[in-house]
C-alpha atoms as a PDB file:
ATOM      1  CA  MET A   1       0.000   0.000   0.000  1.00  0.00           C
ATOM      2  CA  ASN A   2       1.292   3.419  -0.875  1.00  0.00           C
ATOM      3  CA  LEU A   3       0.779   5.822   1.977  1.00  0.00           C
ATOM      4  CA  SER A   4      -1.489   8.696   0.970  1.00  0.00           C
ATOM      5  CA  ARG A   5      -4.099  10.883   2.609  1.00  0.00           C
ATOM      6  CA  GLU A   6      -6.824   8.856   0.895  1.00  0.00           C
ATOM      7  CA  LYS A   7      -5.443   5.526   2.164  1.00  0.00           C
ATOM      8  CA  ILE A   8      -5.067   6.893   5.680  1.00  0.00           C
ATOM      9  CA  ILE A   9      -8.680   8.096   5.688  1.00  0.00           C
ATOM     10  CA  GLU A  10      -9.866   4.797   4.186  1.00  0.00           C
ATOM     11  CA  TYR A  11      -8.121   2.628   6.784  1.00  0.00           C
ATOM     12  CA  SER A  12      -9.076   4.977   9.614  1.00  0.00           C
ATOM     13  CA  LYS A  13     -12.730   4.608   8.602  1.00  0.00           C
ATOM     14  CA  ARG A  14     -12.322   0.832   8.521  1.00  0.00           C
ATOM     15  CA  TYR A  15     -11.066   0.992  12.104  1.00  0.00           C
ATOM     16  CA  ASP A  16     -14.069   3.108  13.098  1.00  0.00           C
ATOM     17  CA  ALA A  17     -16.468   0.708  11.376  1.00  0.00           C
ATOM     18  CA  GLY A  18     -14.973  -2.221  13.281  1.00  0.00           C
ATOM     19  CA  PHE A  19     -15.396  -0.529  16.652  1.00  0.00           C
ATOM     20  CA  LYS A  20     -18.674   1.322  16.043  1.00  0.00           C
ATOM     21  CA  GLY A  21     -21.082   0.810  18.909  1.00  0.00           C
ATOM     22  CA  THR A  22     -18.582  -1.125  21.016  1.00  0.00           C
ATOM     23  CA  PRO A  23     -17.565  -0.345  24.601  1.00  0.00           C
ATOM     24  CA  ASP A  24     -14.126   0.643  23.224  1.00  0.00           C
ATOM     25  CA  GLU A  25     -15.689   3.432  21.166  1.00  0.00           C
ATOM     26  CA  LEU A  26     -17.691   4.700  24.151  1.00  0.00           C
ATOM     27  CA  ILE A  27     -14.703   4.600  26.517  1.00  0.00           C
ATOM     28  CA  GLU A  28     -12.534   6.499  24.036  1.00  0.00           C
ATOM     29  CA  LYS A  29     -15.184   9.231  23.745  1.00  0.00           C
ATOM     30  CA  LYS A  30     -15.626   9.471  27.527  1.00  0.00           C
ATOM     31  CA  LEU A  31     -11.880   9.696  28.151  1.00  0.00           C
ATOM     32  CA  LYS A  32     -11.470  12.456  25.585  1.00  0.00           C
ATOM     33  CA  ILE A  33     -14.246  14.395  27.320  1.00  0.00           C
ATOM     34  CA  TRP A  34     -12.613  13.767  30.717  1.00  0.00           C
ATOM     35  CA  PHE A  35      -9.301  15.197  29.519  1.00  0.00           C
ATOM     36  CA  ARG A  36     -10.958  18.370  28.221  1.00  0.00           C
ATOM     37  CA  ASP A  37     -11.700  19.297  31.836  1.00  0.00           C
ATOM     38  CA  HIS A  38      -8.930  17.533  33.778  1.00  0.00           C
ATOM     39  CA  ARG A  39      -5.144  17.310  33.614  1.00  0.00           C
ATOM     40  CA  TYR A  40      -4.918  14.046  35.549  1.00  0.00           C
ATOM     41  CA  LEU A  41      -6.667  10.699  35.729  1.00  0.00           C
ATOM     42  CA  ASP A  42      -8.551   9.418  38.730  1.00  0.00           C
ATOM     43  CA  ARG A  43      -8.323   5.715  39.547  1.00  0.00           C
ATOM     44  CA  GLN A  44     -11.614   4.824  37.870  1.00  0.00           C
ATOM     45  CA  ASN A  45     -10.675   6.473  34.564  1.00  0.00           C
ATOM     46  CA  PHE A  46      -7.129   5.125  34.790  1.00  0.00           C
ATOM     47  CA  ILE A  47      -8.496   1.578  34.978  1.00  0.00           C
ATOM     48  CA  LYS A  48     -10.864   2.228  32.054  1.00  0.00           C
ATOM     49  CA  LEU A  49      -8.032   3.640  29.968  1.00  0.00           C
ATOM     50  CA  GLY A  50      -5.726   0.760  30.816  1.00  0.00           C
ATOM     51  CA  LEU A  51      -8.347  -1.816  29.913  1.00  0.00           C
ATOM     52  CA  TRP A  52      -9.059   0.043  26.658  1.00  0.00           C
ATOM     53  CA  LYS A  53      -5.430  -0.441  25.633  1.00  0.00           C
ATOM     54  CA  SER A  54      -4.610  -3.825  27.155  1.00  0.00           C
ATOM     55  CA  ALA A  55      -6.989  -5.943  29.200  1.00  0.00           C
ATOM     56  CA  ARG A  56      -4.138  -8.341  30.045  1.00  0.00           C
ATOM     57  CA  GLN A  57      -2.966  -5.972  32.780  1.00  0.00           C
ATOM     58  CA  GLU A  58      -6.339  -5.644  34.531  1.00  0.00           C
ATOM     59  CA  LYS A  59      -5.065  -7.105  37.808  1.00  0.00           C
ATOM     60  CA  ASN A  60      -2.178  -4.627  37.811  1.00  0.00           C
ATOM     61  CA  TYR A  61      -4.327  -1.597  36.980  1.00  0.00           C
ATOM     62  CA  LYS A  62      -6.645  -2.508  39.863  1.00  0.00           C
ATOM     63  CA  SER A  63      -3.743  -3.095  42.263  1.00  0.00           C
ATOM     64  CA  LYS A  64      -3.955  -1.403  45.659  1.00  0.00           C
ATOM     65  CA  GLU A  65      -0.667   0.304  44.714  1.00  0.00           C
ATOM     66  CA  ASN A  66      -2.654   2.292  42.136  1.00  0.00           C
ATOM     67  CA  ASP A  67      -4.825   4.053  44.707  1.00  0.00           C
ATOM     68  CA  ASN A  68      -6.713   7.199  43.712  1.00  0.00           C
ATOM     69  CA  ILE A  69      -4.188   9.632  45.217  1.00  0.00           C
ATOM     70  CA  THR A  70      -1.207   7.941  43.567  1.00  0.00           C
ATOM     71  CA  VAL A  71      -2.912   7.797  40.175  1.00  0.00           C
ATOM     72  CA  LYS A  72      -3.925  11.473  40.393  1.00  0.00           C
ATOM     73  CA  GLU A  73      -0.458  12.603  41.533  1.00  0.00           C
ATOM     74  CA  ILE A  74       1.514  10.621  38.956  1.00  0.00           C
ATOM     75  CA  THR A  75      -0.757  11.452  36.025  1.00  0.00           C
ATOM     76  CA  GLY A  76      -1.014  15.079  37.145  1.00  0.00           C
ATOM     77  CA  PHE A  77       2.766  15.360  37.213  1.00  0.00           C
ATOM     78  CA  ALA A  78       3.159  13.651  33.836  1.00  0.00           C
ATOM     79  CA  LEU A  79       0.630  15.924  32.186  1.00  0.00           C
ATOM     80  CA  SER A  80       2.133  19.109  33.634  1.00  0.00           C
ATOM     81  CA  THR A  81       5.894  18.589  33.325  1.00  0.00           C
ATOM     82  CA  LYS A  82       7.813  20.193  30.464  1.00  0.00           C
ATOM     83  CA  SER A  83      10.287  17.303  30.296  1.00  0.00           C
ATOM     84  CA  GLU A  84       9.351  14.844  27.549  1.00  0.00           C
ATOM     85  CA  LYS A  85      11.348  12.064  29.207  1.00  0.00           C
ATOM     86  CA  ALA A  86       9.729  12.646  32.611  1.00  0.00           C
ATOM     87  CA  ARG A  87       6.316  12.932  30.987  1.00  0.00           C
ATOM     88  CA  ILE A  88       6.309   9.444  29.453  1.00  0.00           C
ATOM     89  CA  GLU A  89       8.536   7.592  31.913  1.00  0.00           C
ATOM     90  CA  SER A  90       6.829   8.844  35.090  1.00  0.00           C
ATOM     91  CA  LEU A  91       3.594   7.176  34.011  1.00  0.00           C
ATOM     92  CA  MET A  92       5.316   3.803  34.146  1.00  0.00           C
ATOM     93  CA  VAL A  93       5.568   4.142  37.927  1.00  0.00           C
ATOM     94  CA  LEU A  94       1.926   3.069  37.940  1.00  0.00           C
ATOM     95  CA  LYS A  95       1.481  -0.673  38.121  1.00  0.00           C
ATOM     96  CA  GLY A  96       0.605  -2.168  34.736  1.00  0.00           C
ATOM     97  CA  VAL A  97       1.610   0.885  32.707  1.00  0.00           C
ATOM     98  CA  SER A  98       3.892   0.077  29.789  1.00  0.00           C
ATOM     99  CA  TRP A  99       5.172   2.401  27.073  1.00  0.00           C
ATOM    100  CA  SER A 100       2.021   1.647  25.085  1.00  0.00           C
ATOM    101  CA  VAL A 101      -0.385   2.441  27.922  1.00  0.00           C
ATOM    102  CA  ALA A 102       1.590   5.579  28.809  1.00  0.00           C
ATOM    103  CA  SER A 103       1.293   6.669  25.172  1.00  0.00           C
ATOM    104  CA  VAL A 104      -2.501   6.293  25.358  1.00  0.00           C
ATOM    105  CA  ILE A 105      -2.637   8.532  28.426  1.00  0.00           C
ATOM    106  CA  LEU A 106      -0.562  11.160  26.627  1.00  0.00           C
ATOM    107  CA  HIS A 107      -2.555  10.808  23.420  1.00  0.00           C
ATOM    108  CA  PHE A 108      -5.947  11.251  25.068  1.00  0.00           C
ATOM    109  CA  ALA A 109      -4.647  14.187  27.125  1.00  0.00           C
ATOM    110  CA  PHE A 110      -2.829  15.806  24.170  1.00  0.00           C
ATOM    111  CA  PRO A 111      -4.352  14.353  20.975  1.00  0.00           C
ATOM    112  CA  ASP A 112      -2.518  16.755  18.670  1.00  0.00           C
ATOM    113  CA  GLU A 113       0.887  16.013  20.181  1.00  0.00           C
ATOM    114  CA  TYR A 114       1.176  12.272  20.837  1.00  0.00           C
ATOM    115  CA  PRO A 115       0.361   9.136  18.865  1.00  0.00           C
ATOM    116  CA  ILE A 116      -0.485   5.797  20.424  1.00  0.00           C
ATOM    117  CA  LEU A 117       2.469   3.415  20.501  1.00  0.00           C
ATOM    118  CA  ASP A 118       1.365   0.056  19.138  1.00  0.00           C
ATOM    119  CA  PHE A 119       3.162  -2.901  17.585  1.00  0.00           C
ATOM    120  CA  ARG A 120       0.681  -2.857  14.698  1.00  0.00           C
ATOM    121  CA  ALA A 121       1.568   0.730  13.791  1.00  0.00           C
ATOM    122  CA  ILE A 122       5.266  -0.118  13.992  1.00  0.00           C
ATOM    123  CA  GLU A 123       4.647  -3.109  11.747  1.00  0.00           C
ATOM    124  CA  SER A 124       2.734  -1.007   9.204  1.00  0.00           C
ATOM    125  CA  LEU A 125       5.600   1.482   9.085  1.00  0.00           C
ATOM    126  CA  GLY A 126       7.923  -1.367   8.157  1.00  0.00           C
ATOM    127  CA  TRP A 127      10.082  -0.798  11.216  1.00  0.00           C
ATOM    128  CA  GLU A 128      11.741  -3.569  13.134  1.00  0.00           C
ATOM    129  CA  GLN A 129       9.961  -4.230  16.414  1.00  0.00           C
ATOM    130  CA  PRO A 130      12.411  -3.326  19.189  1.00  0.00           C
ATOM    131  CA  LYS A 131      13.110  -5.925  21.845  1.00  0.00           C
ATOM    132  CA  ASP A 132      12.329  -3.278  24.462  1.00  0.00           C
ATOM    133  CA  TYR A 133      10.988   0.225  24.064  1.00  0.00           C
ATOM    134  CA  ASP A 134      13.043   3.127  25.358  1.00  0.00           C
ATOM    135  CA  PHE A 135      12.896   6.904  25.292  1.00  0.00           C
ATOM    136  CA  GLN A 136      15.030   7.140  22.153  1.00  0.00           C
ATOM    137  CA  PHE A 137      12.632   4.863  20.258  1.00  0.00           C
ATOM    138  CA  TRP A 138       9.643   6.805  21.622  1.00  0.00           C
ATOM    139  CA  GLN A 139      11.107  10.094  20.367  1.00  0.00           C
ATOM    140  CA  LYS A 140      11.766   8.602  16.926  1.00  0.00           C
ATOM    141  CA  TYR A 141       8.235   7.164  16.744  1.00  0.00           C
ATOM    142  CA  VAL A 142       6.533  10.395  17.845  1.00  0.00           C
ATOM    143  CA  SER A 143       8.619  12.461  15.446  1.00  0.00           C
ATOM    144  CA  GLU A 144       7.867  10.196  12.480  1.00  0.00           C
ATOM    145  CA  LEU A 145       4.126  10.044  13.131  1.00  0.00           C
ATOM    146  CA  ARG A 146       3.894  13.804  13.618  1.00  0.00           C
ATOM    147  CA  LYS A 147       5.747  14.274  10.341  1.00  0.00           C
ATOM    148  CA  LEU A 148       3.439  11.854   8.494  1.00  0.00           C
ATOM    149  CA  ALA A 149       0.281  13.383   9.996  1.00  0.00           C
ATOM    150  CA  LYS A 150       1.415  16.825   8.901  1.00  0.00           C
ATOM    151  CA  LYS A 151       2.494  15.632   5.440  1.00  0.00           C
ATOM    152  CA  TYR A 152      -0.872  13.984   4.768  1.00  0.00           C
ATOM    153  CA  ASN A 153      -2.975  16.544   6.651  1.00  0.00           C
ATOM    154  CA  VAL A 154      -4.582  14.031   9.008  1.00  0.00           C
ATOM    155  CA  SER A 155      -4.845  13.861  12.777  1.00  0.00           C
ATOM    156  CA  LEU A 156      -2.520  11.642  14.763  1.00  0.00           C
ATOM    157  CA  ARG A 157      -5.547   9.557  15.739  1.00  0.00           C
ATOM    158  CA  GLU A 158      -6.573   9.058  12.119  1.00  0.00           C
ATOM    159  CA  LEU A 159      -3.024   7.962  11.357  1.00  0.00           C
ATOM    160  CA  ASP A 160      -2.962   5.638  14.403  1.00  0.00           C
ATOM    161  CA  LYS A 161      -6.215   4.019  13.353  1.00  0.00           C
ATOM    162  CA  ALA A 162      -5.054   3.618   9.751  1.00  0.00           C
ATOM    163  CA  LEU A 163      -1.742   2.020  10.740  1.00  0.00           C
ATOM    164  CA  TRP A 164      -3.491  -0.321  13.181  1.00  0.00           C
ATOM    165  CA  SER A 165      -6.143  -1.332  10.638  1.00  0.00           C
ATOM    166  CA  TYR A 166      -3.655  -1.836   7.846  1.00  0.00           C
ATOM    167  CA  SER A 167      -1.602  -4.182  10.013  1.00  0.00           C
ATOM    168  CA  LYS A 168      -4.647  -6.066  11.257  1.00  0.00           C
ATOM    169  CA  GLU A 169      -6.070  -6.538   7.759  1.00  0.00           C
ATOM    170  CA  SER A 170      -3.077  -6.739   5.477  1.00  0.00           C
ATOM    171  CA  LEU A 171       0.158  -7.702   7.097  1.00  0.00           C
ATOM    172  CA  LYS A 172      -0.058 -11.433   7.171  1.00  0.00           C
ATOM    173  CA  ASN A 173       2.534 -11.002   4.411  1.00  0.00           C
ATOM    174  CA  PRO A 174       5.477  -9.066   5.957  1.00  0.00           C
ATOM    175  CA  SER A 175       6.516  -7.588   2.604  1.00  0.00           C
ATOM    176  CA  ARG A 176       3.388  -5.392   2.557  1.00  0.00           C
ATOM    177  CA  GLN A 177       4.347  -2.368   4.639  1.00  0.00           C
ATOM    178  CA  LEU A 178       3.123   1.156   4.118  1.00  0.00           C
ATOM    179  CA  ARG A 179       5.289   3.325   1.907  1.00  0.00           C
ATOM    180  CA  SER A 180       5.358   7.086   2.202  1.00  0.00           C
END
């Protein structure tokens, strides 16, 4: 697939069609509304967000270590600091939060600044999946997705959805990556 604005819109709409009317769609909408009025997560919304990204960590999200005060303090700090490294890495203090979950928190809080880190998007880009994520990889990923979103005049979320859908639908054959 050649990467173009039309293809991004097409695959983004396919994503939307697949999740229309599902709890995932409703949770995403509610979290975006939450972040319009708040610059932190409470425990309840933290758990919802975590489950939206990865249900496998449910036990960790609901851990007593992730009490309401801790969740509010950590997410409040992350969403207010000017340090990019502190912003993403501080979120991983919370039990169950990986780079991917931290990216979702940042994306929903700042949708025009951060993409969602996902192996499917990495796969669609044709990048090698790193053994472990780190801040250097995060910076590279964010920079590339911002550049692509700007180039094709789409939102980061539209691009995220398109990359995810393309991988889910098309990449059983690893030679079929997106080309910009």
